[in-house]
Amino acid sequence: LGCSWIIAPMPSSSVNIMFTQFDTESGADFVYVTACEDLECSSGILLDQLSGSGHAFKSYVSNTGIIELRFASDSGTVGAGFAVEWSSNDGFSTNWASTHNS
């Protein structure tokens, strides 16, 4: 199972995300955080690979204004999932929660 989300508030030159909740199956379910060069995220820099719990309140910044969150799961053990808040240098912000249990 896999899902991905692109956070790209236009025309921002930077975007910041923070996990406010994080609980996935450790070692089997992963969230990849990538700073992307374009909206397709055809190239970018992997900022982190997260699994398990204890990642709440970790934050990341993309100076390209584009971040991709990619969730990969083995669909085995179910965790609570994750929630993210994001903001941009243009003042846009929102809270967002994944309903995908891991």
PDB file of N, CA and C in Angstrom:
ATOM      1  N   LEU A   1       0.854  -1.178   0.000  1.00  0.00           N
ATOM      2  CA  LEU A   1       0.000   0.000   0.000  1.00  0.00           C
ATOM      3  C   LEU A   1       0.890   1.228   0.000  1.00  0.00           C
ATOM      4  N   GLY A   2       0.548   2.212  -0.798  1.00  0.00           N
ATOM      5  CA  GLY A   2       1.316   3.444  -0.825  1.00  0.00           C
ATOM      6  C   GLY A   2       0.465   4.628  -1.218  1.00  0.00           C
ATOM      7  N   CYS A   3       0.782   5.775  -0.648  1.00  0.00           N
ATOM      8  CA  CYS A   3       0.107   7.027  -0.952  1.00  0.00           C
ATOM      9  C   CYS A   3       1.150   8.126  -0.946  1.00  0.00           C
ATOM     10  N   SER A   4       0.885   9.188  -1.693  1.00  0.00           N
ATOM     11  CA  SER A   4       1.783  10.342  -1.622  1.00  0.00           C
ATOM     12  C   SER A   4       0.978  11.622  -1.730  1.00  0.00           C
ATOM     13  N   TRP A   5       1.529  12.665  -1.128  1.00  0.00           N
ATOM     14  CA  TRP A   5       0.907  13.976  -1.117  1.00  0.00           C
ATOM     15  C   TRP A   5       1.974  15.008  -1.420  1.00  0.00           C
ATOM     16  N   ILE A   6       1.629  15.984  -2.245  1.00  0.00           N
ATOM     17  CA  ILE A   6       2.514  17.101  -2.547  1.00  0.00           C
ATOM     18  C   ILE A   6       1.959  18.340  -1.832  1.00  0.00           C
ATOM     19  N   ILE A   7       2.805  19.006  -1.064  1.00  0.00           N
ATOM     20  CA  ILE A   7       2.432  20.268  -0.423  1.00  0.00           C
ATOM     21  C   ILE A   7       3.217  21.353  -1.144  1.00  0.00           C
ATOM     22  N   ALA A   8       2.505  22.202  -1.871  1.00  0.00           N
ATOM     23  CA  ALA A   8       3.154  23.218  -2.710  1.00  0.00           C
ATOM     24  C   ALA A   8       2.307  24.483  -2.756  1.00  0.00           C
ATOM     25  N   PRO A   9       2.283  25.256  -1.684  1.00  0.00           N
ATOM     26  CA  PRO A   9       1.503  26.494  -1.694  1.00  0.00           C
ATOM     27  C   PRO A   9       2.162  27.525  -2.612  1.00  0.00           C
ATOM     28  N   MET A  10       1.535  27.801  -3.725  1.00  0.00           N
ATOM     29  CA  MET A  10       2.104  28.713  -4.722  1.00  0.00           C
ATOM     30  C   MET A  10       1.742  30.148  -4.411  1.00  0.00           C
ATOM     31  N   PRO A  11       2.581  31.087  -4.588  1.00  0.00           N
ATOM     32  CA  PRO A  11       3.921  31.020  -5.175  1.00  0.00           C
ATOM     33  C   PRO A  11       5.021  31.016  -4.111  1.00  0.00           C
ATOM     34  N   SER A  12       4.875  30.278  -3.050  1.00  0.00           N
ATOM     35  CA  SER A  12       5.834  30.281  -1.945  1.00  0.00           C
ATOM     36  C   SER A  12       7.207  29.793  -2.373  1.00  0.00           C
ATOM     37  N   SER A  13       8.214  30.370  -1.766  1.00  0.00           N
ATOM     38  CA  SER A  13       9.579  29.917  -2.033  1.00  0.00           C
ATOM     39  C   SER A  13      10.067  28.949  -0.963  1.00  0.00           C
ATOM     40  N   SER A  14       9.307  28.805   0.137  1.00  0.00           N
ATOM     41  CA  SER A  14       9.642  27.807   1.144  1.00  0.00           C
ATOM     42  C   SER A  14       8.366  27.318   1.813  1.00  0.00           C
ATOM     43  N   VAL A  15       8.430  26.074   2.265  1.00  0.00           N
ATOM     44  CA  VAL A  15       7.312  25.477   2.985  1.00  0.00           C
ATOM     45  C   VAL A  15       7.884  24.697   4.156  1.00  0.00           C
ATOM     46  N   ASN A  16       7.187  24.779   5.294  1.00  0.00           N
ATOM     47  CA  ASN A  16       7.601  24.109   6.516  1.00  0.00           C
ATOM     48  C   ASN A  16       6.506  23.129   6.920  1.00  0.00           C
ATOM     49  N   ILE A  17       6.886  21.910   7.303  1.00  0.00           N
ATOM     50  CA  ILE A  17       5.911  20.961   7.834  1.00  0.00           C
ATOM     51  C   ILE A  17       6.354  20.516   9.213  1.00  0.00           C
ATOM     52  N   MET A  18       5.362  20.141  10.034  1.00  0.00           N
ATOM     53  CA  MET A  18       5.651  19.569  11.344  1.00  0.00           C
ATOM     54  C   MET A  18       4.661  18.441  11.595  1.00  0.00           C
ATOM     55  N   PHE A  19       5.166  17.289  11.979  1.00  0.00           N
ATOM     56  CA  PHE A  19       4.311  16.175  12.370  1.00  0.00           C
ATOM     57  C   PHE A  19       3.792  16.460  13.774  1.00  0.00           C
ATOM     58  N   THR A  20       2.480  16.438  13.946  1.00  0.00           N
ATOM     59  CA  THR A  20       1.883  16.645  15.263  1.00  0.00           C
ATOM     60  C   THR A  20       1.456  15.329  15.891  1.00  0.00           C
ATOM     61  N   GLN A  21       1.420  14.284  15.081  1.00  0.00           N
ATOM     62  CA  GLN A  21       1.125  12.932  15.550  1.00  0.00           C
ATOM     63  C   GLN A  21       1.872  11.984  14.633  1.00  0.00           C
ATOM     64  N   PHE A  22       2.406  10.898  15.186  1.00  0.00           N
ATOM     65  CA  PHE A  22       3.091   9.929  14.336  1.00  0.00           C
ATOM     66  C   PHE A  22       3.077   8.571  15.014  1.00  0.00           C
ATOM     67  N   ASP A  23       2.463   7.581  14.358  1.00  0.00           N
ATOM     68  CA  ASP A  23       2.413   6.214  14.876  1.00  0.00           C
ATOM     69  C   ASP A  23       2.214   5.252  13.714  1.00  0.00           C
ATOM     70  N   THR A  24       3.310   4.636  13.266  1.00  0.00           N
ATOM     71  CA  THR A  24       3.242   3.626  12.209  1.00  0.00           C
ATOM     72  C   THR A  24       3.930   2.363  12.711  1.00  0.00           C
ATOM     73  N   GLU A  25       3.740   1.259  11.994  1.00  0.00           N
ATOM     74  CA  GLU A  25       4.381   0.005  12.372  1.00  0.00           C
ATOM     75  C   GLU A  25       5.891   0.133  12.164  1.00  0.00           C
ATOM     76  N   SER A  26       6.630   0.046  13.243  1.00  0.00           N
ATOM     77  CA  SER A  26       8.075   0.251  13.201  1.00  0.00           C
ATOM     78  C   SER A  26       8.767  -0.775  12.306  1.00  0.00           C
ATOM     79  N   GLY A  27       9.582  -0.267  11.380  1.00  0.00           N
ATOM     80  CA  GLY A  27      10.352  -1.118  10.492  1.00  0.00           C
ATOM     81  C   GLY A  27       9.589  -1.685   9.306  1.00  0.00           C
ATOM     82  N   ALA A  28       8.270  -1.437   9.243  1.00  0.00           N
ATOM     83  CA  ALA A  28       7.462  -1.965   8.149  1.00  0.00           C
ATOM     84  C   ALA A  28       6.686  -0.889   7.403  1.00  0.00           C
ATOM     85  N   ASP A  29       6.294   0.162   8.100  1.00  0.00           N
ATOM     86  CA  ASP A  29       5.547   1.262   7.497  1.00  0.00           C
ATOM     87  C   ASP A  29       6.395   2.526   7.608  1.00  0.00           C
ATOM     88  N   PHE A  30       6.526   3.243   6.495  1.00  0.00           N
ATOM     89  CA  PHE A  30       7.446   4.378   6.441  1.00  0.00           C
ATOM     90  C   PHE A  30       6.768   5.606   5.845  1.00  0.00           C
ATOM     91  N   VAL A  31       7.169   6.779   6.316  1.00  0.00           N
ATOM     92  CA  VAL A  31       6.824   8.048   5.690  1.00  0.00           C
ATOM     93  C   VAL A  31       8.140   8.669   5.231  1.00  0.00           C
ATOM     94  N   TYR A  32       8.221   8.989   3.941  1.00  0.00           N
ATOM     95  CA  TYR A  32       9.395   9.617   3.355  1.00  0.00           C
ATOM     96  C   TYR A  32       9.079  11.099   3.139  1.00  0.00           C
ATOM     97  N   VAL A  33       9.966  11.963   3.585  1.00  0.00           N
ATOM     98  CA  VAL A  33       9.800  13.414   3.450  1.00  0.00           C
ATOM     99  C   VAL A  33      10.850  13.896   2.452  1.00  0.00           C
ATOM    100  N   THR A  34      10.390  14.473   1.325  1.00  0.00           N
ATOM    101  CA  THR A  34      11.301  14.889   0.259  1.00  0.00           C
ATOM    102  C   THR A  34      11.066  16.345  -0.105  1.00  0.00           C
ATOM    103  N   ALA A  35      12.152  17.120  -0.202  1.00  0.00           N
ATOM    104  CA  ALA A  35      12.104  18.482  -0.746  1.00  0.00           C
ATOM    105  C   ALA A  35      12.240  18.338  -2.256  1.00  0.00           C
ATOM    106  N   CYS A  36      11.209  18.712  -2.999  1.00  0.00           N
ATOM    107  CA  CYS A  36      11.154  18.466  -4.442  1.00  0.00           C
ATOM    108  C   CYS A  36      11.554  19.694  -5.254  1.00  0.00           C
ATOM    109  N   GLU A  37      12.050  19.435  -6.441  1.00  0.00           N
ATOM    110  CA  GLU A  37      12.418  20.505  -7.374  1.00  0.00           C
ATOM    111  C   GLU A  37      11.244  20.937  -8.243  1.00  0.00           C
ATOM    112  N   ASP A  38      10.257  20.037  -8.439  1.00  0.00           N
ATOM    113  CA  ASP A  38       9.098  20.348  -9.275  1.00  0.00           C
ATOM    114  C   ASP A  38       7.864  19.652  -8.706  1.00  0.00           C
ATOM    115  N   LEU A  39       6.691  19.959  -9.257  1.00  0.00           N
ATOM    116  CA  LEU A  39       5.435  19.421  -8.729  1.00  0.00           C
ATOM    117  C   LEU A  39       5.284  17.917  -8.918  1.00  0.00           C
ATOM    118  N   GLU A  40       6.024  17.341  -9.841  1.00  0.00           N
ATOM    119  CA  GLU A  40       5.990  15.890 -10.031  1.00  0.00           C
ATOM    120  C   GLU A  40       6.960  15.192  -9.091  1.00  0.00           C
ATOM    121  N   CYS A  41       7.796  15.964  -8.422  1.00  0.00           N
ATOM    122  CA  CYS A  41       8.843  15.457  -7.529  1.00  0.00           C
ATOM    123  C   CYS A  41       9.728  14.451  -8.270  1.00  0.00           C
ATOM    124  N   SER A  42      10.031  14.793  -9.524  1.00  0.00           N
ATOM    125  CA  SER A  42      10.882  13.923 -10.333  1.00  0.00           C
ATOM    126  C   SER A  42      12.329  13.950  -9.854  1.00  0.00           C
ATOM    127  N   SER A  43      12.698  15.009  -9.139  1.00  0.00           N
ATOM    128  CA  SER A  43      14.005  15.049  -8.475  1.00  0.00           C
ATOM    129  C   SER A  43      13.850  15.829  -7.190  1.00  0.00           C
ATOM    130  N   GLY A  44      14.648  15.469  -6.221  1.00  0.00           N
ATOM    131  CA  GLY A  44      14.565  16.145  -4.941  1.00  0.00           C
ATOM    132  C   GLY A  44      15.556  15.573  -3.960  1.00  0.00           C
ATOM    133  N   ILE A  45      15.484  16.063  -2.744  1.00  0.00           N
ATOM    134  CA  ILE A  45      16.380  15.633  -1.679  1.00  0.00           C
ATOM    135  C   ILE A  45      15.546  14.970  -0.594  1.00  0.00           C
ATOM    136  N   LEU A  46      15.856  13.709  -0.280  1.00  0.00           N
ATOM    137  CA  LEU A  46      15.178  13.013   0.799  1.00  0.00           C
ATOM    138  C   LEU A  46      15.610  13.637   2.122  1.00  0.00           C
ATOM    139  N   LEU A  47      14.656  14.244   2.823  1.00  0.00           N
ATOM    140  CA  LEU A  47      14.949  14.896   4.098  1.00  0.00           C
ATOM    141  C   LEU A  47      14.929  13.909   5.259  1.00  0.00           C
ATOM    142  N   ASP A  48      14.051  12.911   5.182  1.00  0.00           N
ATOM    143  CA  ASP A  48      13.974  11.924   6.261  1.00  0.00           C
ATOM    144  C   ASP A  48      13.119  10.741   5.834  1.00  0.00           C
ATOM    145  N   GLN A  49      13.347   9.636   6.532  1.00  0.00           N
ATOM    146  CA  GLN A  49      12.564   8.413   6.398  1.00  0.00           C
ATOM    147  C   GLN A  49      12.147   8.042   7.811  1.00  0.00           C
ATOM    148  N   LEU A  50      10.836   8.065   8.086  1.00  0.00           N
ATOM    149  CA  LEU A  50      10.324   7.889   9.439  1.00  0.00           C
ATOM    150  C   LEU A  50       9.522   6.611   9.557  1.00  0.00           C
ATOM    151  N   SER A  51       9.638   5.949  10.709  1.00  0.00           N
ATOM    152  CA  SER A  51       8.877   4.741  10.983  1.00  0.00           C
ATOM    153  C   SER A  51       8.738   4.589  12.487  1.00  0.00           C
ATOM    154  N   GLY A  52       7.633   4.004  12.929  1.00  0.00           N
ATOM    155  CA  GLY A  52       7.420   3.779  14.352  1.00  0.00           C
ATOM    156  C   GLY A  52       6.699   4.935  15.007  1.00  0.00           C
ATOM    157  N   SER A  53       7.134   5.289  16.208  1.00  0.00           N
ATOM    158  CA  SER A  53       6.524   6.403  16.935  1.00  0.00           C
ATOM    159  C   SER A  53       7.634   7.316  17.457  1.00  0.00           C
ATOM    160  N   GLY A  54       7.254   8.378  18.106  1.00  0.00           N
ATOM    161  CA  GLY A  54       8.227   9.289  18.669  1.00  0.00           C
ATOM    162  C   GLY A  54       8.709  10.361  17.705  1.00  0.00           C
ATOM    163  N   HIS A  55       8.024  10.507  16.576  1.00  0.00           N
ATOM    164  CA  HIS A  55       8.430  11.519  15.595  1.00  0.00           C
ATOM    165  C   HIS A  55       7.546  12.763  15.631  1.00  0.00           C
ATOM    166  N   ALA A  56       6.582  12.794  16.564  1.00  0.00           N
ATOM    167  CA  ALA A  56       5.727  13.978  16.675  1.00  0.00           C
ATOM    168  C   ALA A  56       6.592  15.186  17.000  1.00  0.00           C
ATOM    169  N   PHE A  57       6.247  16.283  16.399  1.00  0.00           N
ATOM    170  CA  PHE A  57       6.902  17.583  16.559  1.00  0.00           C
ATOM    171  C   PHE A  57       8.248  17.676  15.842  1.00  0.00           C
ATOM    172  N   LYS A  58       8.555  16.708  14.986  1.00  0.00           N
ATOM    173  CA  LYS A  58       9.701  16.871  14.090  1.00  0.00           C
ATOM    174  C   LYS A  58       9.253  17.790  12.964  1.00  0.00           C
ATOM    175  N   SER A  59      10.128  18.689  12.550  1.00  0.00           N
ATOM    176  CA  SER A  59       9.756  19.625  11.483  1.00  0.00           C
ATOM    177  C   SER A  59      10.819  19.623  10.390  1.00  0.00           C
ATOM    178  N   TYR A  60      10.379  20.025   9.195  1.00  0.00           N
ATOM    179  CA  TYR A  60      11.224  20.019   8.005  1.00  0.00           C
ATOM    180  C   TYR A  60      10.903  21.248   7.170  1.00  0.00           C
ATOM    181  N   VAL A  61      11.906  21.752   6.463  1.00  0.00           N
ATOM    182  CA  VAL A  61      11.740  22.912   5.592  1.00  0.00           C
ATOM    183  C   VAL A  61      12.242  22.560   4.202  1.00  0.00           C
ATOM    184  N   SER A  62      11.468  22.948   3.200  1.00  0.00           N
ATOM    185  CA  SER A  62      11.911  22.866   1.809  1.00  0.00           C
ATOM    186  C   SER A  62      12.039  24.280   1.277  1.00  0.00           C
ATOM    187  N   ASN A  63      13.227  24.648   0.855  1.00  0.00           N
ATOM    188  CA  ASN A  63      13.457  25.979   0.284  1.00  0.00           C
ATOM    189  C   ASN A  63      13.071  26.062  -1.183  1.00  0.00           C
ATOM    190  N   THR A  64      12.540  24.971  -1.727  1.00  0.00           N
ATOM    191  CA  THR A  64      11.996  25.009  -3.088  1.00  0.00           C
ATOM    192  C   THR A  64      10.514  25.353  -3.071  1.00  0.00           C
ATOM    193  N   GLY A  65       9.881  25.301  -1.890  1.00  0.00           N
ATOM    194  CA  GLY A  65       8.447  25.548  -1.775  1.00  0.00           C
ATOM    195  C   GLY A  65       7.600  24.330  -2.065  1.00  0.00           C
ATOM    196  N   ILE A  66       8.246  23.150  -2.207  1.00  0.00           N
ATOM    197  CA  ILE A  66       7.518  21.924  -2.526  1.00  0.00           C
ATOM    198  C   ILE A  66       8.030  20.799  -1.638  1.00  0.00           C
ATOM    199  N   ILE A  67       7.118  20.122  -0.938  1.00  0.00           N
ATOM    200  CA  ILE A  67       7.457  18.948  -0.141  1.00  0.00           C
ATOM    201  C   ILE A  67       6.526  17.812  -0.543  1.00  0.00           C
ATOM    202  N   GLU A  68       7.113  16.631  -0.675  1.00  0.00           N
ATOM    203  CA  GLU A  68       6.313  15.423  -0.901  1.00  0.00           C
ATOM    204  C   GLU A  68       6.380  14.564   0.355  1.00  0.00           C
ATOM    205  N   LEU A  69       5.213  14.072   0.782  1.00  0.00           N
ATOM    206  CA  LEU A  69       5.120  13.051   1.813  1.00  0.00           C
ATOM    207  C   LEU A  69       4.681  11.773   1.123  1.00  0.00           C
ATOM    208  N   ARG A  70       5.456  10.713   1.294  1.00  0.00           N
ATOM    209  CA  ARG A  70       5.115   9.425   0.679  1.00  0.00           C
ATOM    210  C   ARG A  70       5.020   8.385   1.780  1.00  0.00           C
ATOM    211  N   PHE A  71       3.884   7.689   1.833  1.00  0.00           N
ATOM    212  CA  PHE A  71       3.617   6.676   2.838  1.00  0.00           C
ATOM    213  C   PHE A  71       3.664   5.306   2.185  1.00  0.00           C
ATOM    214  N   ALA A  72       4.449   4.404   2.754  1.00  0.00           N
ATOM    215  CA  ALA A  72       4.539   3.027   2.258  1.00  0.00           C
ATOM    216  C   ALA A  72       4.258   2.084   3.421  1.00  0.00           C
ATOM    217  N   SER A  73       3.337   1.141   3.209  1.00  0.00           N
ATOM    218  CA  SER A  73       2.906   0.247   4.281  1.00  0.00           C
ATOM    219  C   SER A  73       2.861  -1.195   3.794  1.00  0.00           C
ATOM    220  N   ASP A  74       3.122  -2.121   4.707  1.00  0.00           N
ATOM    221  CA  ASP A  74       2.960  -3.537   4.389  1.00  0.00           C
ATOM    222  C   ASP A  74       1.546  -4.019   4.703  1.00  0.00           C
ATOM    223  N   SER A  75       0.699  -3.134   5.200  1.00  0.00           N
ATOM    224  CA  SER A  75      -0.709  -3.412   5.527  1.00  0.00           C
ATOM    225  C   SER A  75      -0.861  -4.450   6.627  1.00  0.00           C
ATOM    226  N   GLY A  76       0.183  -4.641   7.429  1.00  0.00           N
ATOM    227  CA  GLY A  76       0.123  -5.604   8.530  1.00  0.00           C
ATOM    228  C   GLY A  76      -0.481  -4.974   9.757  1.00  0.00           C
ATOM    229  N   THR A  77       0.334  -4.714  10.750  1.00  0.00           N
ATOM    230  CA  THR A  77      -0.096  -4.106  12.000  1.00  0.00           C
ATOM    231  C   THR A  77      -0.596  -2.686  11.748  1.00  0.00           C
ATOM    232  N   VAL A  78      -1.671  -2.317  12.442  1.00  0.00           N
ATOM    233  CA  VAL A  78      -2.284  -1.009  12.245  1.00  0.00           C
ATOM    234  C   VAL A  78      -1.846  -0.049  13.347  1.00  0.00           C
ATOM    235  N   GLY A  79      -1.352   1.128  12.948  1.00  0.00           N
ATOM    236  CA  GLY A  79      -1.036   2.210  13.880  1.00  0.00           C
ATOM    237  C   GLY A  79      -2.041   3.333  13.684  1.00  0.00           C
ATOM    238  N   ALA A  80      -1.908   4.376  14.467  1.00  0.00           N
ATOM    239  CA  ALA A  80      -2.850   5.501  14.399  1.00  0.00           C
ATOM    240  C   ALA A  80      -2.633   6.369  13.161  1.00  0.00           C
ATOM    241  N   GLY A  81      -1.461   6.263  12.509  1.00  0.00           N
ATOM    242  CA  GLY A  81      -1.169   7.087  11.339  1.00  0.00           C
ATOM    243  C   GLY A  81      -0.384   8.329  11.732  1.00  0.00           C
ATOM    244  N   PHE A  82      -0.587   9.413  10.991  1.00  0.00           N
ATOM    245  CA  PHE A  82       0.160  10.629  11.278  1.00  0.00           C
ATOM    246  C   PHE A  82      -0.663  11.856  10.931  1.00  0.00           C
ATOM    247  N   ALA A  83      -0.276  12.972  11.538  1.00  0.00           N
ATOM    248  CA  ALA A  83      -0.912  14.257  11.269  1.00  0.00           C
ATOM    249  C   ALA A  83       0.194  15.278  11.041  1.00  0.00           C
ATOM    250  N   VAL A  84      -0.074  16.222  10.138  1.00  0.00           N
ATOM    251  CA  VAL A  84       0.930  17.211   9.738  1.00  0.00           C
ATOM    252  C   VAL A  84       0.305  18.599   9.752  1.00  0.00           C
ATOM    253  N   GLU A  85       1.076  19.575  10.208  1.00  0.00           N
ATOM    254  CA  GLU A  85       0.742  20.987  10.017  1.00  0.00           C
ATOM    255  C   GLU A  85       1.760  21.556   9.044  1.00  0.00           C
ATOM    256  N   TRP A  86       1.311  22.446   8.175  1.00  0.00           N
ATOM    257  CA  TRP A  86       2.276  23.081   7.264  1.00  0.00           C
ATOM    258  C   TRP A  86       2.022  24.574   7.198  1.00  0.00           C
ATOM    259  N   SER A  87       3.080  25.282   6.865  1.00  0.00           N
ATOM    260  CA  SER A  87       2.975  26.724   6.658  1.00  0.00           C
ATOM    261  C   SER A  87       3.969  27.123   5.571  1.00  0.00           C
ATOM    262  N   SER A  88       3.731  28.290   4.976  1.00  0.00           N
ATOM    263  CA  SER A  88       4.620  28.776   3.919  1.00  0.00           C
ATOM    264  C   SER A  88       5.102  30.177   4.267  1.00  0.00           C
ATOM    265  N   ASN A  89       6.109  30.632   3.543  1.00  0.00           N
ATOM    266  CA  ASN A  89       6.619  31.980   3.786  1.00  0.00           C
ATOM    267  C   ASN A  89       5.637  33.046   3.311  1.00  0.00           C
ATOM    268  N   ASP A  90       4.572  32.643   2.606  1.00  0.00           N
ATOM    269  CA  ASP A  90       3.538  33.588   2.176  1.00  0.00           C
ATOM    270  C   ASP A  90       2.424  33.742   3.206  1.00  0.00           C
ATOM    271  N   GLY A  91       2.525  33.008   4.310  1.00  0.00           N
ATOM    272  CA  GLY A  91       1.519  33.116   5.357  1.00  0.00           C
ATOM    273  C   GLY A  91       0.401  32.109   5.265  1.00  0.00           C
ATOM    274  N   PHE A  92       0.414  31.234   4.242  1.00  0.00           N
ATOM    275  CA  PHE A  92      -0.587  30.180   4.158  1.00  0.00           C
ATOM    276  C   PHE A  92      -0.252  29.113   5.188  1.00  0.00           C
ATOM    277  N   SER A  93      -1.276  28.507   5.776  1.00  0.00           N
ATOM    278  CA  SER A  93      -1.035  27.404   6.699  1.00  0.00           C
ATOM    279  C   SER A  93      -2.295  26.571   6.830  1.00  0.00           C
ATOM    280  N   THR A  94      -2.116  25.339   7.304  1.00  0.00           N
ATOM    281  CA  THR A  94      -3.240  24.456   7.534  1.00  0.00           C
ATOM    282  C   THR A  94      -2.815  23.300   8.413  1.00  0.00           C
ATOM    283  N   ASN A  95      -3.793  22.621   8.974  1.00  0.00           N
ATOM    284  CA  ASN A  95      -3.575  21.359   9.674  1.00  0.00           C
ATOM    285  C   ASN A  95      -4.091  20.261   8.765  1.00  0.00           C
ATOM    286  N   TRP A  96      -3.410  19.151   8.740  1.00  0.00           N
ATOM    287  CA  TRP A  96      -3.808  18.060   7.872  1.00  0.00           C
ATOM    288  C   TRP A  96      -3.495  16.759   8.569  1.00  0.00           C
ATOM    289  N   ALA A  97      -4.416  15.836   8.552  1.00  0.00           N
ATOM    290  CA  ALA A  97      -4.202  14.532   9.201  1.00  0.00           C
ATOM    291  C   ALA A  97      -4.408  13.422   8.195  1.00  0.00           C
ATOM    292  N   SER A  98      -3.513  12.450   8.229  1.00  0.00           N
ATOM    293  CA  SER A  98      -3.681  11.271   7.402  1.00  0.00           C
ATOM    294  C   SER A  98      -4.665  10.344   8.094  1.00  0.00           C
ATOM    295  N   THR A  99      -5.604   9.827   7.352  1.00  0.00           N
ATOM    296  CA  THR A  99      -6.513   8.839   7.888  1.00  0.00           C
ATOM    297  C   THR A  99      -6.051   7.433   7.511  1.00  0.00           C
ATOM    298  N   HIS A 100      -4.884   7.354   6.909  1.00  0.00           N
ATOM    299  CA  HIS A 100      -4.337   6.058   6.518  1.00  0.00           C
ATOM    300  C   HIS A 100      -3.671   5.426   7.715  1.00  0.00           C
ATOM    301  N   ASN A 101      -4.271   4.354   8.197  1.00  0.00           N
ATOM    302  CA  ASN A 101      -3.669   3.624   9.301  1.00  0.00           C
ATOM    303  C   ASN A 101      -2.575   2.742   8.751  1.00  0.00           C
ATOM    304  N   SER A 102      -1.532   2.600   9.528  1.00  0.00           N
ATOM    305  CA  SER A 102      -0.403   1.809   9.045  1.00  0.00           C
ATOM    306  C   SER A 102      -0.438   0.410   9.598  1.00  0.00           C
TER     307      SER A 102
END
